[in-house]
Amino acid sequence: MATTNLSFSKQGNTWVAKYTSQGDAVVQLEREDGGKVVVYCNLDGMPATPISTCIEYEAGKHVIFNAAIPAGVEVTIESGSEVTAAKML
């Protein structure tokens, strides 16, 4: 199974990446600093809803998590600090 790079861009004080789920995945982030990480999901045309949050003391520079999200669902990942590398498997 090959990894996919995720691209984050700065939106206000948050770093954001979006993708359409292809099914269950593992996401790993390397960041400049710690800070909150929130995963949102939504169906097309519906508002994004948070499904997972790592609060500041749980999420350090190195973060890895399961993204068990059905295929076709829109996913948004927000990071409280700059993401320097991000991969999904």
Protein backbone atom coordinates (compact mmCIF):
# COMPACT_ATOMS: atom_id res chain seq x y z
CA MET A 1 0.00 0.00 0.00
CA ALA A 2 1.43 3.39 -0.99
CA THR A 3 1.37 6.53 1.12
CA THR A 4 -0.23 9.78 -0.04
CA ASN A 5 1.11 13.21 0.88
CA LEU A 6 -1.41 15.64 2.37
CA SER A 7 -0.98 19.36 1.70
CA PHE A 8 -1.76 21.84 4.48
CA SER A 9 -2.31 25.55 3.94
CA LYS A 10 -2.59 28.34 6.49
CA GLN A 11 -6.11 29.67 7.04
CA GLY A 12 -6.08 32.33 9.72
CA ASN A 13 -4.25 30.85 12.73
CA THR A 14 -4.89 27.25 11.66
CA TRP A 15 -3.25 24.86 9.17
CA VAL A 16 -5.82 22.96 7.10
CA ALA A 17 -5.85 19.96 4.72
CA LYS A 18 -8.89 18.55 2.91
CA TYR A 19 -9.43 15.30 1.05
CA THR A 20 -12.16 12.85 0.06
CA SER A 21 -11.89 9.61 1.99
CA GLN A 22 -11.07 6.42 0.11
CA GLY A 23 -11.87 4.38 3.24
CA ASP A 24 -10.03 3.64 6.48
CA ALA A 25 -6.59 5.24 6.68
CA VAL A 26 -3.78 6.16 9.03
CA VAL A 27 -2.61 9.79 9.05
CA GLN A 28 0.72 10.98 10.41
CA LEU A 29 1.66 14.64 10.94
CA GLU A 30 5.02 16.24 11.66
CA ARG A 31 4.56 19.75 13.03
CA GLU A 32 6.61 22.77 14.10
CA ASP A 33 5.08 22.65 17.58
CA GLY A 34 2.26 21.07 19.55
CA GLY A 35 -1.33 22.25 19.56
CA LYS A 36 -4.80 21.02 18.92
CA VAL A 37 -5.68 18.72 15.99
CA VAL A 38 -9.32 18.39 14.89
CA VAL A 39 -10.75 16.05 12.23
CA TYR A 40 -14.03 17.10 10.61
CA CYS A 41 -16.22 15.11 8.20
CA ASN A 42 -19.19 15.90 6.04
CA LEU A 43 -21.26 14.64 3.15
CA ASP A 44 -21.40 16.81 0.02
CA GLY A 45 -23.44 19.96 0.69
CA MET A 46 -23.61 19.42 4.46
CA PRO A 47 -21.70 21.32 7.17
CA ALA A 48 -18.42 19.91 8.48
CA THR A 49 -18.84 18.15 11.84
CA PRO A 50 -15.97 17.39 14.25
CA ILE A 51 -15.47 13.64 14.76
CA SER A 52 -12.12 13.63 16.60
CA THR A 53 -10.14 16.14 18.64
CA CYS A 54 -6.68 15.86 20.17
CA ILE A 55 -6.45 18.68 22.65
CA GLU A 56 -3.25 20.66 23.05
CA TYR A 57 -1.58 18.54 25.75
CA GLU A 58 -2.31 15.30 23.79
CA ALA A 59 -1.03 16.47 20.40
CA GLY A 60 2.69 17.22 20.22
CA LYS A 61 5.00 17.71 17.26
CA HIS A 62 4.49 14.12 16.11
CA VAL A 63 0.89 12.95 15.68
CA ILE A 64 -0.47 9.69 14.22
CA PHE A 65 -4.09 8.61 14.21
CA ASN A 66 -6.61 6.29 12.56
CA ALA A 67 -9.02 7.97 10.17
CA ALA A 68 -11.73 5.29 10.00
CA ILE A 69 -13.97 7.22 7.63
CA PRO A 70 -16.14 5.63 4.92
CA ALA A 71 -15.19 6.20 1.28
CA GLY A 72 -16.72 9.28 -0.34
CA VAL A 73 -16.91 11.38 2.84
CA GLU A 74 -15.19 14.79 2.78
CA VAL A 75 -12.49 15.11 5.46
CA THR A 76 -10.90 18.27 6.87
CA ILE A 77 -7.94 18.16 9.25
CA GLU A 78 -7.07 21.30 11.23
CA SER A 79 -3.80 21.75 13.11
CA GLY A 80 -3.05 24.43 15.69
CA SER A 81 0.58 24.60 14.53
CA GLU A 82 2.32 24.48 11.16
CA VAL A 83 2.40 21.04 9.53
CA THR A 84 5.80 20.40 7.95
CA ALA A 85 4.98 16.92 6.60
CA ALA A 86 1.81 14.85 6.40
CA LYS A 87 1.19 11.39 4.99
CA MET A 88 -1.80 9.09 4.77
CA LEU A 89 -1.75 5.31 4.30
